[in-house]
């Protein structure tokens, strides 16, 4: 058997801001791949439509 002593003071401190950030990360549910793909398609469609509208505007 062996024994490991841990220091009373950690070599780093965790601030309140870090704690709240960690809490936010654990509370968020990860998006599944289908949801990510759906969001990407919505953005892609919106960009394509804006591009088409701009081309029509230039051609007019």
N, C-alpha and C. Protein backbone atom coordinates (compact mmCIF):
# COMPACT_ATOMS: atom_id res chain seq x y z
N UNK A 1 0.83 -1.18 0.00
CA UNK A 1 0.00 0.00 0.00
C UNK A 1 0.87 1.24 0.00
N UNK A 2 0.33 2.29 -0.56
CA UNK A 2 1.03 3.56 -0.52
C UNK A 2 0.06 4.66 -0.14
N UNK A 3 0.60 5.77 0.29
CA UNK A 3 -0.23 6.88 0.76
C UNK A 3 0.16 8.14 0.00
N UNK A 4 -0.85 8.90 -0.43
CA UNK A 4 -0.59 10.15 -1.15
C UNK A 4 -1.17 11.30 -0.33
N UNK A 5 -0.32 12.28 -0.04
CA UNK A 5 -0.79 13.48 0.66
C UNK A 5 -1.16 14.54 -0.36
N UNK A 6 -2.35 15.11 -0.22
CA UNK A 6 -2.76 16.21 -1.08
C UNK A 6 -2.56 17.51 -0.31
N UNK A 7 -2.08 18.53 -0.98
CA UNK A 7 -1.87 19.80 -0.28
C UNK A 7 -3.21 20.40 0.14
N UNK A 8 -3.15 21.18 1.23
CA UNK A 8 -4.37 21.84 1.71
C UNK A 8 -4.86 22.91 0.74
N UNK A 9 -3.93 23.52 0.01
CA UNK A 9 -4.28 24.58 -0.93
C UNK A 9 -3.98 24.10 -2.33
N UNK A 10 -4.96 24.21 -3.19
CA UNK A 10 -4.75 23.81 -4.57
C UNK A 10 -3.86 24.84 -5.26
N UNK A 11 -3.11 24.46 -6.27
CA UNK A 11 -2.23 25.40 -6.95
C UNK A 11 -2.98 26.40 -7.83
N UNK A 12 -4.27 26.29 -7.90
CA UNK A 12 -5.07 27.24 -8.67
C UNK A 12 -6.36 27.51 -7.90
N UNK A 13 -7.01 28.59 -8.24
CA UNK A 13 -8.28 28.89 -7.59
C UNK A 13 -9.38 28.92 -8.65
N UNK A 14 -10.57 28.55 -8.26
CA UNK A 14 -11.72 28.57 -9.14
C UNK A 14 -12.56 29.77 -8.72
N UNK A 15 -12.74 30.70 -9.63
CA UNK A 15 -13.52 31.89 -9.30
C UNK A 15 -15.00 31.63 -9.47
N UNK A 16 -15.80 32.54 -8.96
CA UNK A 16 -17.25 32.42 -9.09
C UNK A 16 -17.66 32.40 -10.55
N UNK A 17 -16.99 33.23 -11.37
CA UNK A 17 -17.29 33.29 -12.80
C UNK A 17 -17.02 31.94 -13.46
N UNK A 18 -15.92 31.30 -13.08
CA UNK A 18 -15.61 29.98 -13.63
C UNK A 18 -16.67 28.96 -13.23
N UNK A 19 -17.11 29.05 -11.99
CA UNK A 19 -18.14 28.11 -11.52
C UNK A 19 -19.43 28.27 -12.28
N UNK A 20 -19.84 29.53 -12.49
CA UNK A 20 -21.10 29.75 -13.22
C UNK A 20 -20.96 29.29 -14.66
N UNK A 21 -19.78 29.47 -15.26
CA UNK A 21 -19.56 29.02 -16.64
C UNK A 21 -19.63 27.50 -16.71
N UNK A 22 -19.03 26.82 -15.73
CA UNK A 22 -19.09 25.36 -15.72
C UNK A 22 -20.53 24.89 -15.54
N UNK A 23 -21.29 25.59 -14.69
CA UNK A 23 -22.68 25.22 -14.46
C UNK A 23 -23.50 25.39 -15.73
N UNK A 24 -23.26 26.47 -16.46
CA UNK A 24 -23.97 26.70 -17.72
C UNK A 24 -23.67 25.59 -18.71
N UNK A 25 -22.42 25.17 -18.78
CA UNK A 25 -22.05 24.13 -19.73
C UNK A 25 -22.72 22.81 -19.40
N UNK A 26 -22.88 22.51 -18.13
CA UNK A 26 -23.50 21.23 -17.77
C UNK A 26 -25.00 21.29 -17.92
N UNK A 27 -25.60 22.49 -17.84
CA UNK A 27 -27.05 22.60 -17.96
C UNK A 27 -27.51 22.55 -19.40
N UNK A 28 -26.68 22.96 -20.33
CA UNK A 28 -27.06 22.94 -21.75
C UNK A 28 -27.14 21.51 -22.24
N UNK A 29 -28.19 21.21 -22.95
CA UNK A 29 -28.28 19.88 -23.54
C UNK A 29 -27.56 19.90 -24.88
N UNK A 30 -26.74 18.92 -25.13
CA UNK A 30 -26.07 18.90 -26.43
C UNK A 30 -27.08 18.67 -27.55
N UNK A 31 -26.89 19.40 -28.63
CA UNK A 31 -27.79 19.24 -29.77
C UNK A 31 -27.46 17.93 -30.49
N UNK A 32 -28.47 17.22 -30.87
CA UNK A 32 -28.19 16.02 -31.63
C UNK A 32 -27.85 16.41 -33.07
N UNK A 33 -27.31 15.49 -33.79
CA UNK A 33 -26.82 15.78 -35.14
C UNK A 33 -27.93 16.25 -36.08
N UNK A 34 -29.12 15.70 -35.92
CA UNK A 34 -30.23 16.14 -36.78
C UNK A 34 -30.59 17.60 -36.54
N UNK A 35 -30.57 18.00 -35.28
CA UNK A 35 -30.87 19.40 -34.96
C UNK A 35 -29.79 20.33 -35.51
N UNK A 36 -28.54 19.93 -35.39
CA UNK A 36 -27.45 20.73 -35.95
C UNK A 36 -27.61 20.86 -37.46
N UNK A 37 -27.94 19.77 -38.12
CA UNK A 37 -28.12 19.78 -39.57
C UNK A 37 -29.30 20.66 -39.97
N UNK A 38 -30.40 20.59 -39.20
CA UNK A 38 -31.56 21.43 -39.47
C UNK A 38 -31.21 22.90 -39.35
N UNK A 39 -30.47 23.28 -38.32
CA UNK A 39 -30.07 24.67 -38.13
C UNK A 39 -29.15 25.12 -39.26
N UNK A 40 -28.23 24.25 -39.67
CA UNK A 40 -27.33 24.59 -40.76
C UNK A 40 -28.11 24.81 -42.05
N UNK A 41 -29.07 23.94 -42.33
CA UNK A 41 -29.88 24.08 -43.55
C UNK A 41 -30.67 25.38 -43.54
N UNK A 42 -31.22 25.75 -42.38
CA UNK A 42 -31.96 27.01 -42.29
C UNK A 42 -31.05 28.20 -42.60
N UNK A 43 -29.85 28.20 -42.04
CA UNK A 43 -28.90 29.28 -42.32
C UNK A 43 -28.48 29.29 -43.77
N UNK A 44 -28.24 28.11 -44.32
CA UNK A 44 -27.82 27.99 -45.71
C UNK A 44 -28.91 28.48 -46.65
N UNK A 45 -30.16 28.11 -46.37
CA UNK A 45 -31.28 28.56 -47.19
C UNK A 45 -31.45 30.08 -47.12
N UNK A 46 -31.32 30.63 -45.92
CA UNK A 46 -31.45 32.08 -45.76
C UNK A 46 -30.34 32.81 -46.51
N UNK A 47 -29.12 32.28 -46.44
CA UNK A 47 -28.01 32.90 -47.15
C UNK A 47 -28.23 32.83 -48.66
N UNK A 48 -28.67 31.68 -49.15
CA UNK A 48 -28.90 31.51 -50.59
C UNK A 48 -29.99 32.47 -51.07
N UNK A 49 -31.05 32.61 -50.29
CA UNK A 49 -32.13 33.53 -50.67
C UNK A 49 -31.64 34.98 -50.68
N UNK A 50 -30.86 35.37 -49.70
CA UNK A 50 -30.31 36.73 -49.67
C UNK A 50 -29.39 36.97 -50.86
N UNK A 51 -28.62 35.98 -51.21
CA UNK A 51 -27.72 36.10 -52.36
C UNK A 51 -28.51 36.24 -53.66
N UNK A 52 -29.56 35.42 -53.81
CA UNK A 52 -30.40 35.54 -55.00
C UNK A 52 -31.06 36.92 -55.10
N UNK A 53 -31.54 37.43 -53.96
CA UNK A 53 -32.16 38.75 -53.95
C UNK A 53 -31.16 39.83 -54.33
N UNK A 54 -29.94 39.70 -53.87
CA UNK A 54 -28.90 40.68 -54.20
C UNK A 54 -28.56 40.64 -55.68
N UNK A 55 -28.49 39.44 -56.26
CA UNK A 55 -28.21 39.29 -57.69
C UNK A 55 -29.32 39.92 -58.50
N UNK A 56 -30.59 39.66 -58.11
CA UNK A 56 -31.72 40.28 -58.81
C UNK A 56 -31.65 41.80 -58.73
N UNK A 57 -31.24 42.32 -57.57
CA UNK A 57 -31.14 43.76 -57.37
C UNK A 57 -30.06 44.35 -58.28
N UNK A 58 -28.95 43.67 -58.41
CA UNK A 58 -27.86 44.16 -59.26
C UNK A 58 -28.25 44.10 -60.72
N UNK A 59 -28.94 43.02 -61.11
CA UNK A 59 -29.32 42.86 -62.52
C UNK A 59 -30.42 43.83 -62.94
N UNK A 60 -31.20 44.33 -62.00
CA UNK A 60 -32.32 45.24 -62.34
C UNK A 60 -31.84 46.63 -62.68
